[in-house]
Amino acid sequence: MKKIRNFSKRELSGLVGQWVGMIAVVIGIVIEIQLGAHLGFVLITAGALAYAVATKLVNF
């Protein structure tokens, strides 16, 4: 069986950070649509920032 790529700790933390960022953005959008709460904007912004930083870690 062919071995899938070994990830370094930096790349792995970047991939996990991307998933966390995406989930935060989705939760923020759902909260914003359902409740109209400003917490949704905070989650969307924080998730986008986390995704951007994590992408930098993966591709650094």
N, C-alpha and C. Protein backbone atom coordinates (compact mmCIF):
# COMPACT_ATOMS: atom_id res chain seq x y z
N MET A 1 0.83 -1.17 0.00
CA MET A 1 0.00 0.00 0.00
C MET A 1 0.88 1.25 0.00
N LYS A 2 0.50 2.20 -0.76
CA LYS A 2 1.28 3.42 -0.88
C LYS A 2 1.10 4.30 0.36
N LYS A 3 2.21 4.77 0.89
CA LYS A 3 2.15 5.60 2.08
C LYS A 3 1.75 7.03 1.72
N ILE A 4 0.81 7.55 2.47
CA ILE A 4 0.40 8.94 2.28
C ILE A 4 1.48 9.82 2.89
N ARG A 5 1.52 11.03 2.52
CA ARG A 5 2.56 11.97 2.91
C ARG A 5 2.66 12.14 4.43
N ASN A 6 3.89 12.22 4.93
CA ASN A 6 4.12 12.54 6.34
C ASN A 6 4.09 14.05 6.50
N PHE A 7 3.31 14.51 7.43
CA PHE A 7 3.21 15.94 7.68
C PHE A 7 4.11 16.33 8.84
N SER A 8 4.73 17.49 8.74
CA SER A 8 5.48 18.02 9.87
C SER A 8 4.49 18.57 10.89
N LYS A 9 4.98 18.86 12.09
CA LYS A 9 4.09 19.40 13.12
C LYS A 9 3.51 20.74 12.69
N ARG A 10 4.30 21.54 12.00
CA ARG A 10 3.83 22.85 11.53
C ARG A 10 2.71 22.68 10.52
N GLU A 11 2.90 21.77 9.56
CA GLU A 11 1.87 21.54 8.55
C GLU A 11 0.60 20.96 9.16
N LEU A 12 0.78 20.03 10.09
CA LEU A 12 -0.38 19.42 10.74
C LEU A 12 -1.16 20.44 11.56
N SER A 13 -0.44 21.30 12.30
CA SER A 13 -1.14 22.33 13.07
C SER A 13 -1.82 23.32 12.13
N GLY A 14 -1.24 23.57 10.98
CA GLY A 14 -1.87 24.44 9.99
C GLY A 14 -3.15 23.84 9.44
N LEU A 15 -3.12 22.55 9.15
CA LEU A 15 -4.33 21.88 8.64
C LEU A 15 -5.45 21.87 9.68
N VAL A 16 -5.08 21.59 10.93
CA VAL A 16 -6.08 21.61 12.01
C VAL A 16 -6.62 23.03 12.18
N GLY A 17 -5.75 24.02 12.10
CA GLY A 17 -6.19 25.41 12.20
C GLY A 17 -7.13 25.81 11.08
N GLN A 18 -6.90 25.29 9.89
CA GLN A 18 -7.81 25.58 8.78
C GLN A 18 -9.19 25.01 9.05
N TRP A 19 -9.24 23.79 9.56
CA TRP A 19 -10.54 23.18 9.88
C TRP A 19 -11.25 23.96 10.98
N VAL A 20 -10.51 24.35 12.01
CA VAL A 20 -11.12 25.12 13.10
C VAL A 20 -11.64 26.45 12.57
N GLY A 21 -10.86 27.10 11.71
CA GLY A 21 -11.30 28.37 11.12
C GLY A 21 -12.56 28.21 10.28
N MET A 22 -12.60 27.16 9.46
CA MET A 22 -13.79 26.93 8.63
C MET A 22 -15.02 26.65 9.47
N ILE A 23 -14.86 25.85 10.51
CA ILE A 23 -16.00 25.54 11.38
C ILE A 23 -16.48 26.79 12.10
N ALA A 24 -15.57 27.63 12.57
CA ALA A 24 -15.96 28.87 13.24
C ALA A 24 -16.73 29.79 12.31
N VAL A 25 -16.29 29.87 11.05
CA VAL A 25 -17.00 30.72 10.08
C VAL A 25 -18.40 30.17 9.83
N VAL A 26 -18.53 28.87 9.65
CA VAL A 26 -19.85 28.28 9.40
C VAL A 26 -20.78 28.50 10.60
N ILE A 27 -20.28 28.27 11.81
CA ILE A 27 -21.09 28.50 13.00
C ILE A 27 -21.48 29.97 13.11
N GLY A 28 -20.55 30.87 12.80
CA GLY A 28 -20.86 32.30 12.83
C GLY A 28 -21.94 32.68 11.84
N ILE A 29 -21.89 32.11 10.65
CA ILE A 29 -22.92 32.41 9.64
C ILE A 29 -24.28 31.89 10.10
N VAL A 30 -24.30 30.69 10.65
CA VAL A 30 -25.57 30.12 11.13
C VAL A 30 -26.15 30.96 12.26
N ILE A 31 -25.32 31.37 13.21
CA ILE A 31 -25.79 32.21 14.32
C ILE A 31 -26.31 33.53 13.79
N GLU A 32 -25.59 34.11 12.84
CA GLU A 32 -26.00 35.40 12.28
C GLU A 32 -27.35 35.29 11.57
N ILE A 33 -27.54 34.23 10.82
CA ILE A 33 -28.80 34.06 10.08
C ILE A 33 -29.96 33.76 11.04
N GLN A 34 -29.74 32.87 11.99
CA GLN A 34 -30.83 32.46 12.88
C GLN A 34 -31.16 33.50 13.94
N LEU A 35 -30.15 34.10 14.54
CA LEU A 35 -30.38 34.99 15.67
C LEU A 35 -30.20 36.46 15.35
N GLY A 36 -29.49 36.75 14.28
CA GLY A 36 -29.19 38.14 13.97
C GLY A 36 -28.25 38.75 15.01
N ALA A 37 -27.51 37.90 15.71
CA ALA A 37 -26.65 38.37 16.80
C ALA A 37 -25.29 38.81 16.27
N HIS A 38 -24.70 39.74 16.98
CA HIS A 38 -23.37 40.22 16.59
C HIS A 38 -22.28 39.20 16.88
N LEU A 39 -22.59 38.21 17.69
CA LEU A 39 -21.64 37.13 17.95
C LEU A 39 -21.27 36.42 16.65
N GLY A 40 -22.21 36.36 15.72
CA GLY A 40 -21.94 35.75 14.42
C GLY A 40 -20.82 36.46 13.68
N PHE A 41 -20.84 37.79 13.71
CA PHE A 41 -19.79 38.55 13.05
C PHE A 41 -18.43 38.30 13.70
N VAL A 42 -18.43 38.19 15.02
CA VAL A 42 -17.18 37.93 15.74
C VAL A 42 -16.62 36.57 15.34
N LEU A 43 -17.48 35.55 15.28
CA LEU A 43 -17.02 34.21 14.90
C LEU A 43 -16.55 34.17 13.45
N ILE A 44 -17.26 34.87 12.57
CA ILE A 44 -16.85 34.90 11.17
C ILE A 44 -15.47 35.54 11.03
N THR A 45 -15.27 36.66 11.72
CA THR A 45 -13.98 37.35 11.66
C THR A 45 -12.87 36.52 12.27
N ALA A 46 -13.11 35.95 13.45
CA ALA A 46 -12.09 35.13 14.11
C ALA A 46 -11.77 33.88 13.29
N GLY A 47 -12.80 33.27 12.72
CA GLY A 47 -12.58 32.09 11.90
C GLY A 47 -11.78 32.38 10.64
N ALA A 48 -12.09 33.51 10.02
CA ALA A 48 -11.34 33.90 8.82
C ALA A 48 -9.88 34.19 9.15
N LEU A 49 -9.65 34.84 10.28
CA LEU A 49 -8.28 35.13 10.71
C LEU A 49 -7.53 33.84 11.04
N ALA A 50 -8.18 32.92 11.73
CA ALA A 50 -7.55 31.64 12.06
C ALA A 50 -7.23 30.86 10.79
N TYR A 51 -8.13 30.88 9.82
CA TYR A 51 -7.90 30.17 8.56
C TYR A 51 -6.70 30.77 7.82
N ALA A 52 -6.61 32.09 7.81
CA ALA A 52 -5.50 32.75 7.12
C ALA A 52 -4.16 32.42 7.76
N VAL A 53 -4.11 32.45 9.08
CA VAL A 53 -2.86 32.13 9.78
C VAL A 53 -2.49 30.67 9.56
N ALA A 54 -3.48 29.79 9.64
CA ALA A 54 -3.21 28.36 9.45
C ALA A 54 -2.74 28.07 8.02
N THR A 55 -3.30 28.76 7.05
CA THR A 55 -2.86 28.58 5.66
C THR A 55 -1.41 29.00 5.51
N LYS A 56 -1.03 30.05 6.20
CA LYS A 56 0.36 30.50 6.17
C LYS A 56 1.27 29.42 6.76
N LEU A 57 0.81 28.75 7.83
CA LEU A 57 1.62 27.69 8.44
C LEU A 57 1.81 26.51 7.49
N VAL A 58 0.76 26.16 6.76
CA VAL A 58 0.84 25.02 5.85
C VAL A 58 1.77 25.33 4.69
N ASN A 59 1.67 26.52 4.15
CA ASN A 59 2.42 26.87 2.93
C ASN A 59 3.69 27.66 3.18
N PHE A 60 4.15 27.73 4.42
CA PHE A 60 5.33 28.53 4.75
C PHE A 60 6.58 27.88 4.27
